[in-house]
Amino acid sequence: MAGSIEELLDLLYTEIEEAKNAPLNNDKCVIERDRVLDMIDDVKAELPVEIKRAKDLVANRNDYIASAKREADDLRDQAEEYAKRLVNESAIVREAEKQADQIIADAEEQCRMLKTAASDYCEDTLRRMEEAVADAYDEVKHSRAKFRSALGAISGSPAPRSQSAPRRAMYDAEADEDDE
């Protein structure tokens, strides 16, 4: 149907917002149950895709950190090799050790900065993803509560259940909101 969770939620919101009011009640509306349930199913189907994207970001961050560490190790190896070549003269050796230490310190600092930047980027992306998923969840709860209200207004009471079918507890979005 639509491409992203945000688009799906916008469609769901529009569907509910544009629904006709129930007779004699402006707070309740009539919506196409199958259409709204299909939209909710699409949101559920899209969530694993969003989660996979977040996992891919974490994997990319780990690759980035590993690459920075390899680069730092290469720089350290180059510094050590350079220092070994200059071992013949003590003044040159002292200067080489000083430069090697500086190169190592610079490489470690660069590695730390790259790791921090990658971690910050991933943290921000995961935070935004978490907010989007939370918003989607809240929107689904809100829509479901409206749907139940509309269903109750249309039928006057919940539909009777068959005596042979076991009774299943129904999720109550309003009670869930009260618990928060």
C-alpha atoms as a PDB file:
ATOM      1  CA  MET A   1       0.000   0.000   0.000  1.00  0.00           C
ATOM      2  CA  ALA A   2       2.219   2.895   1.210  1.00  0.00           C
ATOM      3  CA  GLY A   3       5.968   2.963   1.666  1.00  0.00           C
ATOM      4  CA  SER A   4       6.768   4.039   5.196  1.00  0.00           C
ATOM      5  CA  ILE A   5       5.257   3.875   8.635  1.00  0.00           C
ATOM      6  CA  GLU A   6       4.754   7.634   8.628  1.00  0.00           C
ATOM      7  CA  GLU A   7       2.846   7.480   5.331  1.00  0.00           C
ATOM      8  CA  LEU A   8       0.716   4.616   6.624  1.00  0.00           C
ATOM      9  CA  LEU A   9      -0.062   6.463   9.820  1.00  0.00           C
ATOM     10  CA  ASP A  10      -0.912   9.621   7.855  1.00  0.00           C
ATOM     11  CA  LEU A  11      -3.344   7.585   5.744  1.00  0.00           C
ATOM     12  CA  LEU A  12      -4.862   6.032   8.860  1.00  0.00           C
ATOM     13  CA  TYR A  13      -5.187   9.446  10.490  1.00  0.00           C
ATOM     14  CA  THR A  14      -6.806  10.890   7.372  1.00  0.00           C
ATOM     15  CA  GLU A  15      -9.212   7.938   7.184  1.00  0.00           C
ATOM     16  CA  ILE A  16     -10.342   8.524  10.760  1.00  0.00           C
ATOM     17  CA  GLU A  17     -10.338  12.303  10.462  1.00  0.00           C
ATOM     18  CA  GLU A  18     -12.496  12.221   7.334  1.00  0.00           C
ATOM     19  CA  ALA A  19     -14.881   9.575   8.676  1.00  0.00           C
ATOM     20  CA  LYS A  20     -18.522  10.552   8.897  1.00  0.00           C
ATOM     21  CA  ASN A  21     -19.858  11.428  12.346  1.00  0.00           C
ATOM     22  CA  ALA A  22     -22.106   8.900  14.038  1.00  0.00           C
ATOM     23  CA  PRO A  23     -25.748  10.022  14.257  1.00  0.00           C
ATOM     24  CA  LEU A  24     -26.291  12.476  17.120  1.00  0.00           C
ATOM     25  CA  ASN A  25     -22.682  12.244  18.259  1.00  0.00           C
ATOM     26  CA  ASN A  26     -19.789  14.404  17.018  1.00  0.00           C
ATOM     27  CA  ASP A  27     -17.169  12.537  19.088  1.00  0.00           C
ATOM     28  CA  LYS A  28     -17.730   9.209  17.343  1.00  0.00           C
ATOM     29  CA  CYS A  29     -17.431   8.307  13.702  1.00  0.00           C
ATOM     30  CA  VAL A  30     -18.098   5.531  11.222  1.00  0.00           C
ATOM     31  CA  ILE A  31     -15.111   4.061   9.426  1.00  0.00           C
ATOM     32  CA  GLU A  32     -14.524   1.157   7.078  1.00  0.00           C
ATOM     33  CA  ARG A  33     -13.303  -1.525   9.437  1.00  0.00           C
ATOM     34  CA  ASP A  34     -11.523  -3.643   6.810  1.00  0.00           C
ATOM     35  CA  ARG A  35      -9.730  -0.643   5.327  1.00  0.00           C
ATOM     36  CA  VAL A  36      -8.496   0.587   8.732  1.00  0.00           C
ATOM     37  CA  LEU A  37      -7.496  -2.921   9.809  1.00  0.00           C
ATOM     38  CA  ASP A  38      -5.576  -3.313   6.531  1.00  0.00           C
ATOM     39  CA  MET A  39      -3.741  -0.054   7.288  1.00  0.00           C
ATOM     40  CA  ILE A  40      -2.874  -1.284  10.774  1.00  0.00           C
ATOM     41  CA  ASP A  41      -1.632  -4.577   9.270  1.00  0.00           C
ATOM     42  CA  ASP A  42       0.536  -2.555   6.852  1.00  0.00           C
ATOM     43  CA  VAL A  43       2.032  -0.626   9.806  1.00  0.00           C
ATOM     44  CA  LYS A  44       2.760  -3.931  11.571  1.00  0.00           C
ATOM     45  CA  ALA A  45       4.377  -5.274   8.407  1.00  0.00           C
ATOM     46  CA  GLU A  46       6.537  -2.150   8.019  1.00  0.00           C
ATOM     47  CA  LEU A  47       7.879  -2.215  11.609  1.00  0.00           C
ATOM     48  CA  PRO A  48      10.318  -5.110  10.994  1.00  0.00           C
ATOM     49  CA  VAL A  49      11.685  -3.215   7.976  1.00  0.00           C
ATOM     50  CA  GLU A  50      12.323  -0.154  10.154  1.00  0.00           C
ATOM     51  CA  ILE A  51      13.944  -2.323  12.815  1.00  0.00           C
ATOM     52  CA  LYS A  52      16.166  -3.943  10.152  1.00  0.00           C
ATOM     53  CA  ARG A  53      17.229  -0.477   9.026  1.00  0.00           C
ATOM     54  CA  ALA A  54      18.196   0.362  12.596  1.00  0.00           C
ATOM     55  CA  LYS A  55      20.189  -2.878  12.869  1.00  0.00           C
ATOM     56  CA  ASP A  56      21.907  -2.066   9.570  1.00  0.00           C
ATOM     57  CA  LEU A  57      22.873   1.340  10.976  1.00  0.00           C
ATOM     58  CA  VAL A  58      24.391  -0.324  14.036  1.00  0.00           C
ATOM     59  CA  ALA A  59      26.272  -2.788  11.809  1.00  0.00           C
ATOM     60  CA  ASN A  60      27.542   0.097   9.664  1.00  0.00           C
ATOM     61  CA  ARG A  61      28.680   1.924  12.797  1.00  0.00           C
ATOM     62  CA  ASN A  62      30.555  -1.188  13.943  1.00  0.00           C
ATOM     63  CA  ASP A  63      32.197  -1.509  10.518  1.00  0.00           C
ATOM     64  CA  TYR A  64      33.146   2.162  10.670  1.00  0.00           C
ATOM     65  CA  ILE A  65      34.711   1.722  14.111  1.00  0.00           C
ATOM     66  CA  ALA A  66      36.571  -1.420  12.976  1.00  0.00           C
ATOM     67  CA  SER A  67      37.886   0.458   9.941  1.00  0.00           C
ATOM     68  CA  ALA A  68      39.075   3.332  12.138  1.00  0.00           C
ATOM     69  CA  LYS A  69      40.801   0.843  14.454  1.00  0.00           C
ATOM     70  CA  ARG A  70      42.522  -0.841  11.497  1.00  0.00           C
ATOM     71  CA  GLU A  71      43.658   2.558  10.262  1.00  0.00           C
ATOM     72  CA  ALA A  72      44.986   3.404  13.721  1.00  0.00           C
ATOM     73  CA  ASP A  73      46.784   0.047  13.882  1.00  0.00           C
ATOM     74  CA  ASP A  74      48.292   0.676  10.446  1.00  0.00           C
ATOM     75  CA  LEU A  75      49.487   4.099  11.561  1.00  0.00           C
ATOM     76  CA  ARG A  76      50.963   2.584  14.717  1.00  0.00           C
ATOM     77  CA  ASP A  77      52.716  -0.130  12.684  1.00  0.00           C
ATOM     78  CA  GLN A  78      54.125   2.510  10.330  1.00  0.00           C
ATOM     79  CA  ALA A  79      55.378   4.525  13.285  1.00  0.00           C
ATOM     80  CA  GLU A  80      57.046   1.471  14.836  1.00  0.00           C
ATOM     81  CA  GLU A  81      58.660   0.521  11.554  1.00  0.00           C
ATOM     82  CA  TYR A  82      59.939   4.042  11.094  1.00  0.00           C
ATOM     83  CA  ALA A  83      61.351   4.058  14.596  1.00  0.00           C
ATOM     84  CA  LYS A  84      63.213   0.772  14.024  1.00  0.00           C
ATOM     85  CA  ARG A  85      64.936   2.151  10.917  1.00  0.00           C
ATOM     86  CA  LEU A  86      66.285   5.091  12.884  1.00  0.00           C
ATOM     87  CA  VAL A  87      67.703   3.039  15.752  1.00  0.00           C
ATOM     88  CA  ASN A  88      71.366   3.666  14.797  1.00  0.00           C
ATOM     89  CA  GLU A  89      71.660   7.194  16.152  1.00  0.00           C
ATOM     90  CA  SER A  90      70.444   8.022  19.625  1.00  0.00           C
ATOM     91  CA  ALA A  91      69.325  11.553  18.792  1.00  0.00           C
ATOM     92  CA  ILE A  92      67.458  10.272  15.791  1.00  0.00           C
ATOM     93  CA  VAL A  93      66.069   7.415  17.873  1.00  0.00           C
ATOM     94  CA  ARG A  94      64.763   9.837  20.517  1.00  0.00           C
ATOM     95  CA  GLU A  95      63.173  11.990  17.815  1.00  0.00           C
ATOM     96  CA  ALA A  96      61.671   8.922  16.144  1.00  0.00           C
ATOM     97  CA  GLU A  97      60.219   7.694  19.439  1.00  0.00           C
ATOM     98  CA  LYS A  98      58.777  11.128  20.084  1.00  0.00           C
ATOM     99  CA  GLN A  99      57.189  11.225  16.601  1.00  0.00           C
ATOM    100  CA  ALA A 100      55.953   7.644  16.915  1.00  0.00           C
ATOM    101  CA  ASP A 101      54.334   8.440  20.233  1.00  0.00           C
ATOM    102  CA  GLN A 102      52.732  11.522  18.703  1.00  0.00           C
ATOM    103  CA  ILE A 103      51.467   9.537  15.710  1.00  0.00           C
ATOM    104  CA  ILE A 104      50.061   6.878  18.022  1.00  0.00           C
ATOM    105  CA  ALA A 105      48.432   9.513  20.245  1.00  0.00           C
ATOM    106  CA  ASP A 106      46.987  11.261  17.184  1.00  0.00           C
ATOM    107  CA  ALA A 107      45.720   7.965  15.765  1.00  0.00           C
ATOM    108  CA  GLU A 108      44.162   6.971  19.079  1.00  0.00           C
ATOM    109  CA  GLU A 109      42.543  10.412  19.409  1.00  0.00           C
ATOM    110  CA  GLN A 110      41.251  10.191  15.847  1.00  0.00           C
ATOM    111  CA  CYS A 111      39.936   6.687  16.563  1.00  0.00           C
ATOM    112  CA  ARG A 112      38.236   7.928  19.742  1.00  0.00           C
ATOM    113  CA  MET A 113      36.679  10.865  17.888  1.00  0.00           C
ATOM    114  CA  LEU A 114      35.481   8.614  15.050  1.00  0.00           C
ATOM    115  CA  LYS A 115      34.037   6.136  17.532  1.00  0.00           C
ATOM    116  CA  THR A 116      32.273   8.946  19.413  1.00  0.00           C
ATOM    117  CA  ALA A 117      30.878  10.444  16.201  1.00  0.00           C
ATOM    118  CA  ALA A 118      29.646   7.064  14.980  1.00  0.00           C
ATOM    119  CA  SER A 119      28.094   6.277  18.357  1.00  0.00           C
ATOM    120  CA  ASP A 120      26.387   9.680  18.518  1.00  0.00           C
ATOM    121  CA  TYR A 121      25.037   9.249  14.996  1.00  0.00           C
ATOM    122  CA  CYS A 122      23.671   5.773  15.746  1.00  0.00           C
ATOM    123  CA  GLU A 123      22.242   6.879  19.089  1.00  0.00           C
ATOM    124  CA  ASP A 124      20.446   9.797  17.428  1.00  0.00           C
ATOM    125  CA  THR A 125      19.135   7.607  14.621  1.00  0.00           C
ATOM    126  CA  LEU A 126      17.931   4.935  17.047  1.00  0.00           C
ATOM    127  CA  ARG A 127      16.324   7.617  19.254  1.00  0.00           C
ATOM    128  CA  ARG A 128      14.439   9.019  16.272  1.00  0.00           C
ATOM    129  CA  MET A 129      13.429   5.493  15.265  1.00  0.00           C
ATOM    130  CA  GLU A 130      12.239   4.806  18.814  1.00  0.00           C
ATOM    131  CA  GLU A 131      10.204   8.020  18.792  1.00  0.00           C
ATOM    132  CA  ALA A 132       8.665   7.145  15.426  1.00  0.00           C
ATOM    133  CA  VAL A 133       7.737   3.661  16.619  1.00  0.00           C
ATOM    134  CA  ALA A 134       6.308   5.090  19.875  1.00  0.00           C
ATOM    135  CA  ASP A 135       4.302   7.666  17.921  1.00  0.00           C
ATOM    136  CA  ALA A 136       3.026   4.938  15.625  1.00  0.00           C
ATOM    137  CA  TYR A 137       2.061   2.795  18.596  1.00  0.00           C
ATOM    138  CA  ASP A 138       0.262   5.705  20.265  1.00  0.00           C
ATOM    139  CA  GLU A 139      -1.566   6.486  17.025  1.00  0.00           C
ATOM    140  CA  VAL A 140      -2.659   2.858  16.665  1.00  0.00           C
ATOM    141  CA  LYS A 141      -3.905   2.806  20.290  1.00  0.00           C
ATOM    142  CA  HIS A 142      -5.777   6.068  19.730  1.00  0.00           C
ATOM    143  CA  SER A 143      -7.289   4.836  16.468  1.00  0.00           C
ATOM    144  CA  ARG A 144      -8.293   1.570  18.033  1.00  0.00           C
ATOM    145  CA  ALA A 145     -10.005   3.358  20.908  1.00  0.00           C
ATOM    146  CA  LYS A 146     -11.876   5.543  18.413  1.00  0.00           C
ATOM    147  CA  PHE A 147     -12.778   2.457  16.435  1.00  0.00           C
ATOM    148  CA  ARG A 148     -14.190   0.758  19.513  1.00  0.00           C
ATOM    149  CA  SER A 149     -16.117   3.874  20.414  1.00  0.00           C
ATOM    150  CA  ALA A 150     -17.526   4.027  16.926  1.00  0.00           C
ATOM    151  CA  LEU A 151     -18.350   0.332  16.951  1.00  0.00           C
ATOM    152  CA  GLY A 152     -20.078   0.675  20.328  1.00  0.00           C
ATOM    153  CA  ALA A 153     -22.096   3.633  19.069  1.00  0.00           C
ATOM    154  CA  ILE A 154     -23.202   1.765  15.945  1.00  0.00           C
ATOM    155  CA  SER A 155     -24.158  -1.517  17.560  1.00  0.00           C
ATOM    156  CA  GLY A 156     -25.198  -0.205  20.960  1.00  0.00           C
ATOM    157  CA  SER A 157     -23.329  -3.020  22.686  1.00  0.00           C
ATOM    158  CA  PRO A 158     -20.602  -5.507  21.914  1.00  0.00           C
ATOM    159  CA  ALA A 159     -21.540  -8.268  19.482  1.00  0.00           C
ATOM    160  CA  PRO A 160     -22.655 -11.499  21.250  1.00  0.00           C
ATOM    161  CA  ARG A 161     -20.201 -14.380  21.188  1.00  0.00           C
ATOM    162  CA  SER A 162     -20.980 -17.929  20.258  1.00  0.00           C
ATOM    163  CA  GLN A 163     -21.425 -20.288  23.202  1.00  0.00           C
ATOM    164  CA  SER A 164     -19.083 -22.882  21.675  1.00  0.00           C
ATOM    165  CA  ALA A 165     -16.209 -20.461  21.044  1.00  0.00           C
ATOM    166  CA  PRO A 166     -13.933 -19.740  24.031  1.00  0.00           C
ATOM    167  CA  ARG A 167     -14.057 -16.146  25.223  1.00  0.00           C
ATOM    168  CA  ARG A 168     -10.841 -14.231  24.644  1.00  0.00           C
ATOM    169  CA  ALA A 169      -9.937 -11.175  26.700  1.00  0.00           C
ATOM    170  CA  MET A 170     -10.084  -8.011  24.588  1.00  0.00           C
ATOM    171  CA  TYR A 171      -7.340  -5.448  24.716  1.00  0.00           C
ATOM    172  CA  ASP A 172      -8.567  -2.212  26.291  1.00  0.00           C
ATOM    173  CA  ALA A 173      -6.618   0.799  24.943  1.00  0.00           C
ATOM    174  CA  GLU A 174      -8.358   3.241  27.295  1.00  0.00           C
ATOM    175  CA  ALA A 175      -7.375   1.187  30.334  1.00  0.00           C
ATOM    176  CA  ASP A 176      -3.841   0.987  28.969  1.00  0.00           C
ATOM    177  CA  GLU A 177      -3.713   4.798  28.643  1.00  0.00           C
ATOM    178  CA  ASP A 178      -5.021   5.180  32.228  1.00  0.00           C
ATOM    179  CA  ASP A 179      -2.153   2.986  33.489  1.00  0.00           C
ATOM    180  CA  GLU A 180       0.386   5.412  32.006  1.00  0.00           C
END
